[in-house]
């Protein structure tokens, strides 16, 4: 059944977020779930922050490799010595991030 707000009808599945949250909490309580303690919630927030930091660092590395692929000398050259190739990558990364 739709409710009227002004002249616009809103279906029941578009309830405000607050009531949706209350329904979700009621369902969890009916299933026997208990809320996290303050310490557990704090620890969970810290772990989420770590994951966010890891994603940001991963993004930096992905962008670096994307730029290195466009840097012709590193993308096309094959050096017989691994340390020379690694040195070229380090120099290219330094040049790319300084520009």
Foldseek 3Di string as FASTA:
>chain_A
DWDDDPNDTDDPVPDPPVVVVVVVVVVCVVVVDDDDDPVVVVVVVVVVVVVVVVVVVVVVVVVLVVVQCVVPVLVPDDDPDPVVSVVVSVVVSVVVVVD
